[in-house]
Amino acid sequence: MGVKIEFTKLALFDIIKIKKWYSGKSENLHLRFLTHLEREIEKVKNSPLMFQVVRQGTRKFSVNKFPYNVYYLVEKERIVIVGLIHNKRSNAFIKKKLKK
């Protein structure tokens, strides 16, 4: 029985926004981003507690080769991706976004 991955509306919006930005930079860059994101999500699926807790049960992992952190919650039978934030964002921005 696998762990279910769910995305909040905010996380889906983040992914669409990032994908759109990368598609404007290079022909296949957005596809590379999505591939790396999927690989990291698979790692989380296989071992949800391996990444550090950063705030009130929210954990984060980095997207390999891209400057984004993905924030997620581990619940009983699911993992909820709550948002993607650029690595250069301030801690205040991150806290504010995670409160939404």
PDB file of N, CA and C in Angstrom:
ATOM      1  N   MET A   1       0.844  -1.188   0.000  1.00  0.00           N
ATOM      2  CA  MET A   1       0.000   0.000   0.000  1.00  0.00           C
ATOM      3  C   MET A   1       0.882   1.241   0.000  1.00  0.00           C
ATOM      4  N   GLY A   2       0.773   2.038  -1.035  1.00  0.00           N
ATOM      5  CA  GLY A   2       1.603   3.226  -1.159  1.00  0.00           C
ATOM      6  C   GLY A   2       1.005   4.431  -0.469  1.00  0.00           C
ATOM      7  N   VAL A   3       1.862   5.363  -0.179  1.00  0.00           N
ATOM      8  CA  VAL A   3       1.430   6.617   0.413  1.00  0.00           C
ATOM      9  C   VAL A   3       0.852   7.485  -0.705  1.00  0.00           C
ATOM     10  N   LYS A   4      -0.249   8.127  -0.423  1.00  0.00           N
ATOM     11  CA  LYS A   4      -0.903   8.991  -1.401  1.00  0.00           C
ATOM     12  C   LYS A   4      -0.272  10.382  -1.344  1.00  0.00           C
ATOM     13  N   ILE A   5       0.006  10.951  -2.520  1.00  0.00           N
ATOM     14  CA  ILE A   5       0.541  12.310  -2.616  1.00  0.00           C
ATOM     15  C   ILE A   5      -0.589  13.227  -3.045  1.00  0.00           C
ATOM     16  N   GLU A   6      -0.771  14.316  -2.313  1.00  0.00           N
ATOM     17  CA  GLU A   6      -1.777  15.317  -2.666  1.00  0.00           C
ATOM     18  C   GLU A   6      -1.107  16.682  -2.717  1.00  0.00           C
ATOM     19  N   PHE A   7      -1.661  17.561  -3.531  1.00  0.00           N
ATOM     20  CA  PHE A   7      -1.150  18.916  -3.683  1.00  0.00           C
ATOM     21  C   PHE A   7      -2.235  19.907  -3.281  1.00  0.00           C
ATOM     22  N   THR A   8      -1.847  20.910  -2.526  1.00  0.00           N
ATOM     23  CA  THR A   8      -2.791  21.992  -2.238  1.00  0.00           C
ATOM     24  C   THR A   8      -2.949  22.833  -3.506  1.00  0.00           C
ATOM     25  N   LYS A   9      -3.979  23.653  -3.536  1.00  0.00           N
ATOM     26  CA  LYS A   9      -4.167  24.566  -4.678  1.00  0.00           C
ATOM     27  C   LYS A   9      -2.963  25.490  -4.831  1.00  0.00           C
ATOM     28  N   LEU A  10      -2.432  25.935  -3.702  1.00  0.00           N
ATOM     29  CA  LEU A  10      -1.266  26.809  -3.731  1.00  0.00           C
ATOM     30  C   LEU A  10      -0.063  26.110  -4.366  1.00  0.00           C
ATOM     31  N   ALA A  11       0.159  24.860  -4.004  1.00  0.00           N
ATOM     32  CA  ALA A  11       1.282  24.107  -4.572  1.00  0.00           C
ATOM     33  C   ALA A  11       1.101  23.910  -6.073  1.00  0.00           C
ATOM     34  N   LEU A  12      -0.108  23.595  -6.505  1.00  0.00           N
ATOM     35  CA  LEU A  12      -0.365  23.432  -7.941  1.00  0.00           C
ATOM     36  C   LEU A  12      -0.139  24.745  -8.677  1.00  0.00           C
ATOM     37  N   PHE A  13      -0.577  25.846  -8.078  1.00  0.00           N
ATOM     38  CA  PHE A  13      -0.341  27.164  -8.672  1.00  0.00           C
ATOM     39  C   PHE A  13       1.159  27.438  -8.787  1.00  0.00           C
ATOM     40  N   ASP A  14       1.908  27.116  -7.736  1.00  0.00           N
ATOM     41  CA  ASP A  14       3.363  27.305  -7.761  1.00  0.00           C
ATOM     42  C   ASP A  14       4.002  26.521  -8.900  1.00  0.00           C
ATOM     43  N   ILE A  15       3.595  25.263  -9.047  1.00  0.00           N
ATOM     44  CA  ILE A  15       4.168  24.411 -10.095  1.00  0.00           C
ATOM     45  C   ILE A  15       3.858  24.974 -11.475  1.00  0.00           C
ATOM     46  N   ILE A  16       2.628  25.408 -11.687  1.00  0.00           N
ATOM     47  CA  ILE A  16       2.245  25.987 -12.983  1.00  0.00           C
ATOM     48  C   ILE A  16       3.057  27.244 -13.276  1.00  0.00           C
ATOM     49  N   LYS A  17       3.209  28.089 -12.253  1.00  0.00           N
ATOM     50  CA  LYS A  17       3.953  29.344 -12.414  1.00  0.00           C
ATOM     51  C   LYS A  17       5.427  29.065 -12.735  1.00  0.00           C
ATOM     52  N   ILE A  18       6.026  28.139 -12.025  1.00  0.00           N
ATOM     53  CA  ILE A  18       7.440  27.787 -12.254  1.00  0.00           C
ATOM     54  C   ILE A  18       7.613  27.150 -13.634  1.00  0.00           C
ATOM     55  N   LYS A  19       6.728  26.237 -13.967  1.00  0.00           N
ATOM     56  CA  LYS A  19       6.779  25.571 -15.276  1.00  0.00           C
ATOM     57  C   LYS A  19       6.686  26.596 -16.406  1.00  0.00           C
ATOM     58  N   LYS A  20       5.778  27.541 -16.272  1.00  0.00           N
ATOM     59  CA  LYS A  20       5.609  28.591 -17.286  1.00  0.00           C
ATOM     60  C   LYS A  20       6.880  29.436 -17.414  1.00  0.00           C
ATOM     61  N   TRP A  21       7.479  29.779 -16.286  1.00  0.00           N
ATOM     62  CA  TRP A  21       8.687  30.592 -16.314  1.00  0.00           C
ATOM     63  C   TRP A  21       9.817  29.848 -17.022  1.00  0.00           C
ATOM     64  N   TYR A  22      10.016  28.567 -16.671  1.00  0.00           N
ATOM     65  CA  TYR A  22      11.080  27.787 -17.300  1.00  0.00           C
ATOM     66  C   TYR A  22      10.803  27.513 -18.775  1.00  0.00           C
ATOM     67  N   SER A  23       9.557  27.375 -19.156  1.00  0.00           N
ATOM     68  CA  SER A  23       9.264  27.124 -20.572  1.00  0.00           C
ATOM     69  C   SER A  23       9.615  28.341 -21.427  1.00  0.00           C
ATOM     70  N   GLY A  24       9.618  29.515 -20.838  1.00  0.00           N
ATOM     71  CA  GLY A  24      10.024  30.727 -21.550  1.00  0.00           C
ATOM     72  C   GLY A  24      11.526  30.900 -21.635  1.00  0.00           C
ATOM     73  N   LYS A  25      12.274  30.147 -20.877  1.00  0.00           N
ATOM     74  CA  LYS A  25      13.738  30.271 -20.851  1.00  0.00           C
ATOM     75  C   LYS A  25      14.428  29.326 -21.821  1.00  0.00           C
ATOM     76  N   SER A  26      13.879  28.139 -21.988  1.00  0.00           N
ATOM     77  CA  SER A  26      14.513  27.132 -22.838  1.00  0.00           C
ATOM     78  C   SER A  26      13.449  26.120 -23.252  1.00  0.00           C
ATOM     79  N   GLU A  27      13.628  25.537 -24.410  1.00  0.00           N
ATOM     80  CA  GLU A  27      12.604  24.666 -24.985  1.00  0.00           C
ATOM     81  C   GLU A  27      12.161  23.526 -24.061  1.00  0.00           C
ATOM     82  N   ASN A  28      13.089  22.832 -23.437  1.00  0.00           N
ATOM     83  CA  ASN A  28      12.729  21.674 -22.613  1.00  0.00           C
ATOM     84  C   ASN A  28      13.027  21.856 -21.128  1.00  0.00           C
ATOM     85  N   LEU A  29      13.368  23.059 -20.722  1.00  0.00           N
ATOM     86  CA  LEU A  29      13.749  23.275 -19.330  1.00  0.00           C
ATOM     87  C   LEU A  29      12.590  22.981 -18.376  1.00  0.00           C
ATOM     88  N   HIS A  30      11.393  23.339 -18.747  1.00  0.00           N
ATOM     89  CA  HIS A  30      10.235  23.068 -17.875  1.00  0.00           C
ATOM     90  C   HIS A  30      10.019  21.562 -17.706  1.00  0.00           C
ATOM     91  N   LEU A  31      10.319  20.796 -18.749  1.00  0.00           N
ATOM     92  CA  LEU A  31      10.192  19.334 -18.640  1.00  0.00           C
ATOM     93  C   LEU A  31      11.256  18.757 -17.715  1.00  0.00           C
ATOM     94  N   ARG A  32      12.455  19.312 -17.775  1.00  0.00           N
ATOM     95  CA  ARG A  32      13.524  18.872 -16.866  1.00  0.00           C
ATOM     96  C   ARG A  32      13.148  19.185 -15.427  1.00  0.00           C
ATOM     97  N   PHE A  33      12.582  20.371 -15.212  1.00  0.00           N
ATOM     98  CA  PHE A  33      12.149  20.734 -13.863  1.00  0.00           C
ATOM     99  C   PHE A  33      11.121  19.726 -13.345  1.00  0.00           C
ATOM    100  N   LEU A  34      10.109  19.425 -14.163  1.00  0.00           N
ATOM    101  CA  LEU A  34       9.071  18.490 -13.733  1.00  0.00           C
ATOM    102  C   LEU A  34       9.633  17.096 -13.470  1.00  0.00           C
ATOM    103  N   THR A  35      10.591  16.669 -14.289  1.00  0.00           N
ATOM    104  CA  THR A  35      11.225  15.360 -14.092  1.00  0.00           C
ATOM    105  C   THR A  35      11.957  15.308 -12.763  1.00  0.00           C
ATOM    106  N   HIS A  36      12.729  16.350 -12.462  1.00  0.00           N
ATOM    107  CA  HIS A  36      13.464  16.385 -11.189  1.00  0.00           C
ATOM    108  C   HIS A  36      12.501  16.482 -10.006  1.00  0.00           C
ATOM    109  N   LEU A  37      11.442  17.247 -10.157  1.00  0.00           N
ATOM    110  CA  LEU A  37      10.443  17.355  -9.092  1.00  0.00           C
ATOM    111  C   LEU A  37       9.812  15.984  -8.819  1.00  0.00           C
ATOM    112  N   GLU A  38       9.450  15.277  -9.865  1.00  0.00           N
ATOM    113  CA  GLU A  38       8.851  13.942  -9.704  1.00  0.00           C
ATOM    114  C   GLU A  38       9.807  12.972  -9.015  1.00  0.00           C
ATOM    115  N   ARG A  39      11.079  13.041  -9.363  1.00  0.00           N
ATOM    116  CA  ARG A  39      12.071  12.155  -8.721  1.00  0.00           C
ATOM    117  C   ARG A  39      12.162  12.420  -7.228  1.00  0.00           C
ATOM    118  N   GLU A  40      12.169  13.690  -6.858  1.00  0.00           N
ATOM    119  CA  GLU A  40      12.273  14.033  -5.433  1.00  0.00           C
ATOM    120  C   GLU A  40      10.997  13.631  -4.694  1.00  0.00           C
ATOM    121  N   ILE A  41       9.860  13.790  -5.328  1.00  0.00           N
ATOM    122  CA  ILE A  41       8.605  13.383  -4.700  1.00  0.00           C
ATOM    123  C   ILE A  41       8.593  11.873  -4.470  1.00  0.00           C
ATOM    124  N   GLU A  42       9.154  11.117  -5.397  1.00  0.00           N
ATOM    125  CA  GLU A  42       9.263   9.658  -5.214  1.00  0.00           C
ATOM    126  C   GLU A  42      10.094   9.320  -3.972  1.00  0.00           C
ATOM    127  N   LYS A  43      11.175  10.074  -3.757  1.00  0.00           N
ATOM    128  CA  LYS A  43      12.003   9.862  -2.562  1.00  0.00           C
ATOM    129  C   LYS A  43      11.172  10.098  -1.303  1.00  0.00           C
ATOM    130  N   VAL A  44      10.383  11.163  -1.319  1.00  0.00           N
ATOM    131  CA  VAL A  44       9.539  11.487  -0.168  1.00  0.00           C
ATOM    132  C   VAL A  44       8.500  10.384   0.044  1.00  0.00           C
ATOM    133  N   LYS A  45       7.941   9.897  -1.049  1.00  0.00           N
ATOM    134  CA  LYS A  45       6.956   8.823  -0.967  1.00  0.00           C
ATOM    135  C   LYS A  45       7.532   7.581  -0.304  1.00  0.00           C
ATOM    136  N   ASN A  46       8.773   7.271  -0.641  1.00  0.00           N
ATOM    137  CA  ASN A  46       9.430   6.080  -0.107  1.00  0.00           C
ATOM    138  C   ASN A  46       9.918   6.260   1.322  1.00  0.00           C
ATOM    139  N   SER A  47      10.230   7.481   1.694  1.00  0.00           N
ATOM    140  CA  SER A  47      10.739   7.739   3.041  1.00  0.00           C
ATOM    141  C   SER A  47      10.320   9.144   3.484  1.00  0.00           C
ATOM    142  N   PRO A  48       9.062   9.322   3.854  1.00  0.00           N
ATOM    143  CA  PRO A  48       8.516  10.652   4.129  1.00  0.00           C
ATOM    144  C   PRO A  48       9.183  11.425   5.267  1.00  0.00           C
ATOM    145  N   LEU A  49       9.788  10.724   6.200  1.00  0.00           N
ATOM    146  CA  LEU A  49      10.367  11.417   7.359  1.00  0.00           C
ATOM    147  C   LEU A  49      11.848  11.737   7.197  1.00  0.00           C
ATOM    148  N   MET A  50      12.416  11.467   6.029  1.00  0.00           N
ATOM    149  CA  MET A  50      13.856  11.647   5.852  1.00  0.00           C
ATOM    150  C   MET A  50      14.287  13.112   5.767  1.00  0.00           C
ATOM    151  N   PHE A  51      13.376  14.010   5.436  1.00  0.00           N
ATOM    152  CA  PHE A  51      13.746  15.414   5.303  1.00  0.00           C
ATOM    153  C   PHE A  51      13.404  16.184   6.562  1.00  0.00           C
ATOM    154  N   GLN A  52      14.096  17.283   6.758  1.00  0.00           N
ATOM    155  CA  GLN A  52      14.009  18.035   8.010  1.00  0.00           C
ATOM    156  C   GLN A  52      12.670  18.750   8.189  1.00  0.00           C
ATOM    157  N   VAL A  53      12.266  18.833   9.451  1.00  0.00           N
ATOM    158  CA  VAL A  53      11.099  19.635   9.817  1.00  0.00           C
ATOM    159  C   VAL A  53      11.579  21.071   9.926  1.00  0.00           C
ATOM    160  N   VAL A  54      10.864  21.981   9.258  1.00  0.00           N
ATOM    161  CA  VAL A  54      11.283  23.381   9.281  1.00  0.00           C
ATOM    162  C   VAL A  54      10.325  24.282  10.050  1.00  0.00           C
ATOM    163  N   ARG A  55       9.074  23.851  10.159  1.00  0.00           N
ATOM    164  CA  ARG A  55       8.096  24.683  10.865  1.00  0.00           C
ATOM    165  C   ARG A  55       6.840  23.886  11.161  1.00  0.00           C
ATOM    166  N   GLN A  56       6.513  23.730  12.414  1.00  0.00           N
ATOM    167  CA  GLN A  56       5.263  23.122  12.870  1.00  0.00           C
ATOM    168  C   GLN A  56       4.859  21.884  12.054  1.00  0.00           C
ATOM    169  N   GLY A  57       5.763  20.951  11.923  1.00  0.00           N
ATOM    170  CA  GLY A  57       5.464  19.711  11.227  1.00  0.00           C
ATOM    171  C   GLY A  57       5.670  19.761   9.716  1.00  0.00           C
ATOM    172  N   THR A  58       5.916  20.940   9.196  1.00  0.00           N
ATOM    173  CA  THR A  58       6.168  21.082   7.760  1.00  0.00           C
ATOM    174  C   THR A  58       7.619  20.725   7.475  1.00  0.00           C
ATOM    175  N   ARG A  59       7.815  19.874   6.502  1.00  0.00           N
ATOM    176  CA  ARG A  59       9.147  19.439   6.090  1.00  0.00           C
ATOM    177  C   ARG A  59       9.465  20.040   4.732  1.00  0.00           C
ATOM    178  N   LYS A  60      10.750  19.993   4.363  1.00  0.00           N
ATOM    179  CA  LYS A  60      11.114  20.516   3.047  1.00  0.00           C
ATOM    180  C   LYS A  60      12.185  19.655   2.405  1.00  0.00           C
ATOM    181  N   PHE A  61      12.176  19.676   1.077  1.00  0.00           N
ATOM    182  CA  PHE A  61      13.242  19.075   0.297  1.00  0.00           C
ATOM    183  C   PHE A  61      13.532  19.990  -0.884  1.00  0.00           C
ATOM    184  N   SER A  62      14.718  19.861  -1.428  1.00  0.00           N
ATOM    185  CA  SER A  62      15.125  20.674  -2.574  1.00  0.00           C
ATOM    186  C   SER A  62      14.903  19.901  -3.860  1.00  0.00           C
ATOM    187  N   VAL A  63      14.598  20.644  -4.914  1.00  0.00           N
ATOM    188  CA  VAL A  63      14.484  20.048  -6.244  1.00  0.00           C
ATOM    189  C   VAL A  63      15.884  20.042  -6.837  1.00  0.00           C
ATOM    190  N   ASN A  64      16.404  18.864  -7.076  1.00  0.00           N
ATOM    191  CA  ASN A  64      17.761  18.704  -7.598  1.00  0.00           C
ATOM    192  C   ASN A  64      17.958  19.532  -8.875  1.00  0.00           C
ATOM    193  N   LYS A  65      19.049  20.291  -8.920  1.00  0.00           N
ATOM    194  CA  LYS A  65      19.463  21.112 -10.063  1.00  0.00           C
ATOM    195  C   LYS A  65      18.599  22.346 -10.301  1.00  0.00           C
ATOM    196  N   PHE A  66      17.639  22.612  -9.419  1.00  0.00           N
ATOM    197  CA  PHE A  66      16.787  23.786  -9.542  1.00  0.00           C
ATOM    198  C   PHE A  66      16.703  24.480  -8.183  1.00  0.00           C
ATOM    199  N   PRO A  67      16.588  25.804  -8.175  1.00  0.00           N
ATOM    200  CA  PRO A  67      16.642  26.559  -6.914  1.00  0.00           C
ATOM    201  C   PRO A  67      15.307  26.651  -6.171  1.00  0.00           C
ATOM    202  N   TYR A  68      14.658  25.519  -5.980  1.00  0.00           N
ATOM    203  CA  TYR A  68      13.368  25.510  -5.289  1.00  0.00           C
ATOM    204  C   TYR A  68      13.342  24.500  -4.164  1.00  0.00           C
ATOM    205  N   ASN A  69      12.677  24.906  -3.079  1.00  0.00           N
ATOM    206  CA  ASN A  69      12.383  23.997  -1.981  1.00  0.00           C
ATOM    207  C   ASN A  69      10.905  23.661  -2.051  1.00  0.00           C
ATOM    208  N   VAL A  70      10.590  22.426  -1.734  1.00  0.00           N
ATOM    209  CA  VAL A  70       9.204  21.964  -1.714  1.00  0.00           C
ATOM    210  C   VAL A  70       8.847  21.686  -0.252  1.00  0.00           C
ATOM    211  N   TYR A  71       7.741  22.249   0.187  1.00  0.00           N
ATOM    212  CA  TYR A  71       7.292  22.105   1.564  1.00  0.00           C
ATOM    213  C   TYR A  71       6.110  21.144   1.599  1.00  0.00           C
ATOM    214  N   TYR A  72       6.141  20.239   2.580  1.00  0.00           N
ATOM    215  CA  TYR A  72       5.105  19.218   2.636  1.00  0.00           C
ATOM    216  C   TYR A  72       4.810  18.807   4.070  1.00  0.00           C
ATOM    217  N   LEU A  73       3.634  18.193   4.236  1.00  0.00           N
ATOM    218  CA  LEU A  73       3.198  17.654   5.520  1.00  0.00           C
ATOM    219  C   LEU A  73       3.037  16.148   5.394  1.00  0.00           C
ATOM    220  N   VAL A  74       3.415  15.443   6.439  1.00  0.00           N
ATOM    221  CA  VAL A  74       3.214  13.993   6.476  1.00  0.00           C
ATOM    222  C   VAL A  74       2.014  13.739   7.368  1.00  0.00           C
ATOM    223  N   GLU A  75       1.006  13.144   6.789  1.00  0.00           N
ATOM    224  CA  GLU A  75      -0.189  12.777   7.541  1.00  0.00           C
ATOM    225  C   GLU A  75      -0.274  11.262   7.583  1.00  0.00           C
ATOM    226  N   LYS A  76      -1.290  10.754   8.213  1.00  0.00           N
ATOM    227  CA  LYS A  76      -1.372   9.314   8.468  1.00  0.00           C
ATOM    228  C   LYS A  76      -1.156   8.456   7.218  1.00  0.00           C
ATOM    229  N   GLU A  77      -1.925   8.691   6.172  1.00  0.00           N
ATOM    230  CA  GLU A  77      -1.809   7.867   4.966  1.00  0.00           C
ATOM    231  C   GLU A  77      -1.577   8.689   3.716  1.00  0.00           C
ATOM    232  N   ARG A  78      -1.115   9.914   3.901  1.00  0.00           N
ATOM    233  CA  ARG A  78      -0.865  10.770   2.738  1.00  0.00           C
ATOM    234  C   ARG A  78       0.210  11.795   3.034  1.00  0.00           C
ATOM    235  N   ILE A  79       0.756  12.308   1.963  1.00  0.00           N
ATOM    236  CA  ILE A  79       1.718  13.399   2.017  1.00  0.00           C
ATOM    237  C   ILE A  79       1.084  14.555   1.264  1.00  0.00           C
ATOM    238  N   VAL A  80       1.068  15.714   1.884  1.00  0.00           N
ATOM    239  CA  VAL A  80       0.451  16.881   1.267  1.00  0.00           C
ATOM    240  C   VAL A  80       1.539  17.891   0.919  1.00  0.00           C
ATOM    241  N   ILE A  81       1.695  18.133  -0.376  1.00  0.00           N
ATOM    242  CA  ILE A  81       2.638  19.156  -0.849  1.00  0.00           C
ATOM    243  C   ILE A  81       1.921  20.489  -0.693  1.00  0.00           C
ATOM    244  N   VAL A  82       2.502  21.389   0.124  1.00  0.00           N
ATOM    245  CA  VAL A  82       1.807  22.642   0.426  1.00  0.00           C
ATOM    246  C   VAL A  82       2.326  23.837  -0.361  1.00  0.00           C
ATOM    247  N   GLY A  83       3.544  23.744  -0.897  1.00  0.00           N
ATOM    248  CA  GLY A  83       4.050  24.867  -1.680  1.00  0.00           C
ATOM    249  C   GLY A  83       5.486  24.676  -2.131  1.00  0.00           C
ATOM    250  N   LEU A  84       5.844  25.432  -3.158  1.00  0.00           N
ATOM    251  CA  LEU A  84       7.213  25.466  -3.666  1.00  0.00           C
ATOM    252  C   LEU A  84       7.692  26.905  -3.550  1.00  0.00           C
ATOM    253  N   ILE A  85       8.885  27.078  -3.017  1.00  0.00           N
ATOM    254  CA  ILE A  85       9.409  28.424  -2.792  1.00  0.00           C
ATOM    255  C   ILE A  85      10.851  28.485  -3.267  1.00  0.00           C
ATOM    256  N   HIS A  86      11.183  29.560  -3.974  1.00  0.00           N
ATOM    257  CA  HIS A  86      12.542  29.764  -4.465  1.00  0.00           C
ATOM    258  C   HIS A  86      13.508  29.867  -3.280  1.00  0.00           C
ATOM    259  N   ASN A  87      14.685  29.298  -3.442  1.00  0.00           N
ATOM    260  CA  ASN A  87      15.696  29.277  -2.369  1.00  0.00           C
ATOM    261  C   ASN A  87      16.124  30.660  -1.897  1.00  0.00           C
ATOM    262  N   LYS A  88      15.993  31.666  -2.728  1.00  0.00           N
ATOM    263  CA  LYS A  88      16.443  33.014  -2.375  1.00  0.00           C
ATOM    264  C   LYS A  88      15.418  33.794  -1.546  1.00  0.00           C
ATOM    265  N   ARG A  89      14.245  33.232  -1.357  1.00  0.00           N
ATOM    266  CA  ARG A  89      13.218  33.929  -0.579  1.00  0.00           C
ATOM    267  C   ARG A  89      13.593  33.990   0.890  1.00  0.00           C
ATOM    268  N   SER A  90      13.162  35.067   1.533  1.00  0.00           N
ATOM    269  CA  SER A  90      13.481  35.272   2.950  1.00  0.00           C
ATOM    270  C   SER A  90      12.666  34.332   3.826  1.00  0.00           C
ATOM    271  N   ASN A  91      13.146  34.136   5.034  1.00  0.00           N
ATOM    272  CA  ASN A  91      12.418  33.315   6.003  1.00  0.00           C
ATOM    273  C   ASN A  91      11.051  33.905   6.311  1.00  0.00           C
ATOM    274  N   ALA A  92      10.963  35.231   6.325  1.00  0.00           N
ATOM    275  CA  ALA A  92       9.672  35.891   6.598  1.00  0.00           C
ATOM    276  C   ALA A  92       8.675  35.558   5.493  1.00  0.00           C
ATOM    277  N   PHE A  93       9.121  35.577   4.253  1.00  0.00           N
ATOM    278  CA  PHE A  93       8.253  35.232   3.127  1.00  0.00           C
ATOM    279  C   PHE A  93       7.776  33.798   3.240  1.00  0.00           C
ATOM    280  N   ILE A  94       8.693  32.906   3.582  1.00  0.00           N
ATOM    281  CA  ILE A  94       8.363  31.485   3.697  1.00  0.00           C
ATOM    282  C   ILE A  94       7.325  31.276   4.800  1.00  0.00           C
ATOM    283  N   LYS A  95       7.541  31.878   5.958  1.00  0.00           N
ATOM    284  CA  LYS A  95       6.588  31.740   7.074  1.00  0.00           C
ATOM    285  C   LYS A  95       5.211  32.251   6.678  1.00  0.00           C
ATOM    286  N   LYS A  96       5.190  33.402   5.998  1.00  0.00           N
ATOM    287  CA  LYS A  96       3.912  33.987   5.581  1.00  0.00           C
ATOM    288  C   LYS A  96       3.198  33.074   4.590  1.00  0.00           C
ATOM    289  N   LYS A  97       3.926  32.537   3.633  1.00  0.00           N
ATOM    290  CA  LYS A  97       3.319  31.670   2.621  1.00  0.00           C
ATOM    291  C   LYS A  97       2.806  30.360   3.233  1.00  0.00           C
ATOM    292  N   LEU A  98       3.543  29.809   4.176  1.00  0.00           N
ATOM    293  CA  LEU A  98       3.134  28.547   4.785  1.00  0.00           C
ATOM    294  C   LEU A  98       1.925  28.705   5.701  1.00  0.00           C
ATOM    295  N   LYS A  99       1.625  29.910   6.134  1.00  0.00           N
ATOM    296  CA  LYS A  99       0.453  30.146   6.977  1.00  0.00           C
ATOM    297  C   LYS A  99      -0.829  30.069   6.178  1.00  0.00           C
ATOM    298  N   LYS A 100      -0.760  30.280   4.869  1.00  0.00           N
ATOM    299  CA  LYS A 100      -1.969  30.318   4.017  1.00  0.00           C
ATOM    300  C   LYS A 100      -2.651  28.989   3.946  1.00  0.00           C
TER     301      LYS A 100
END
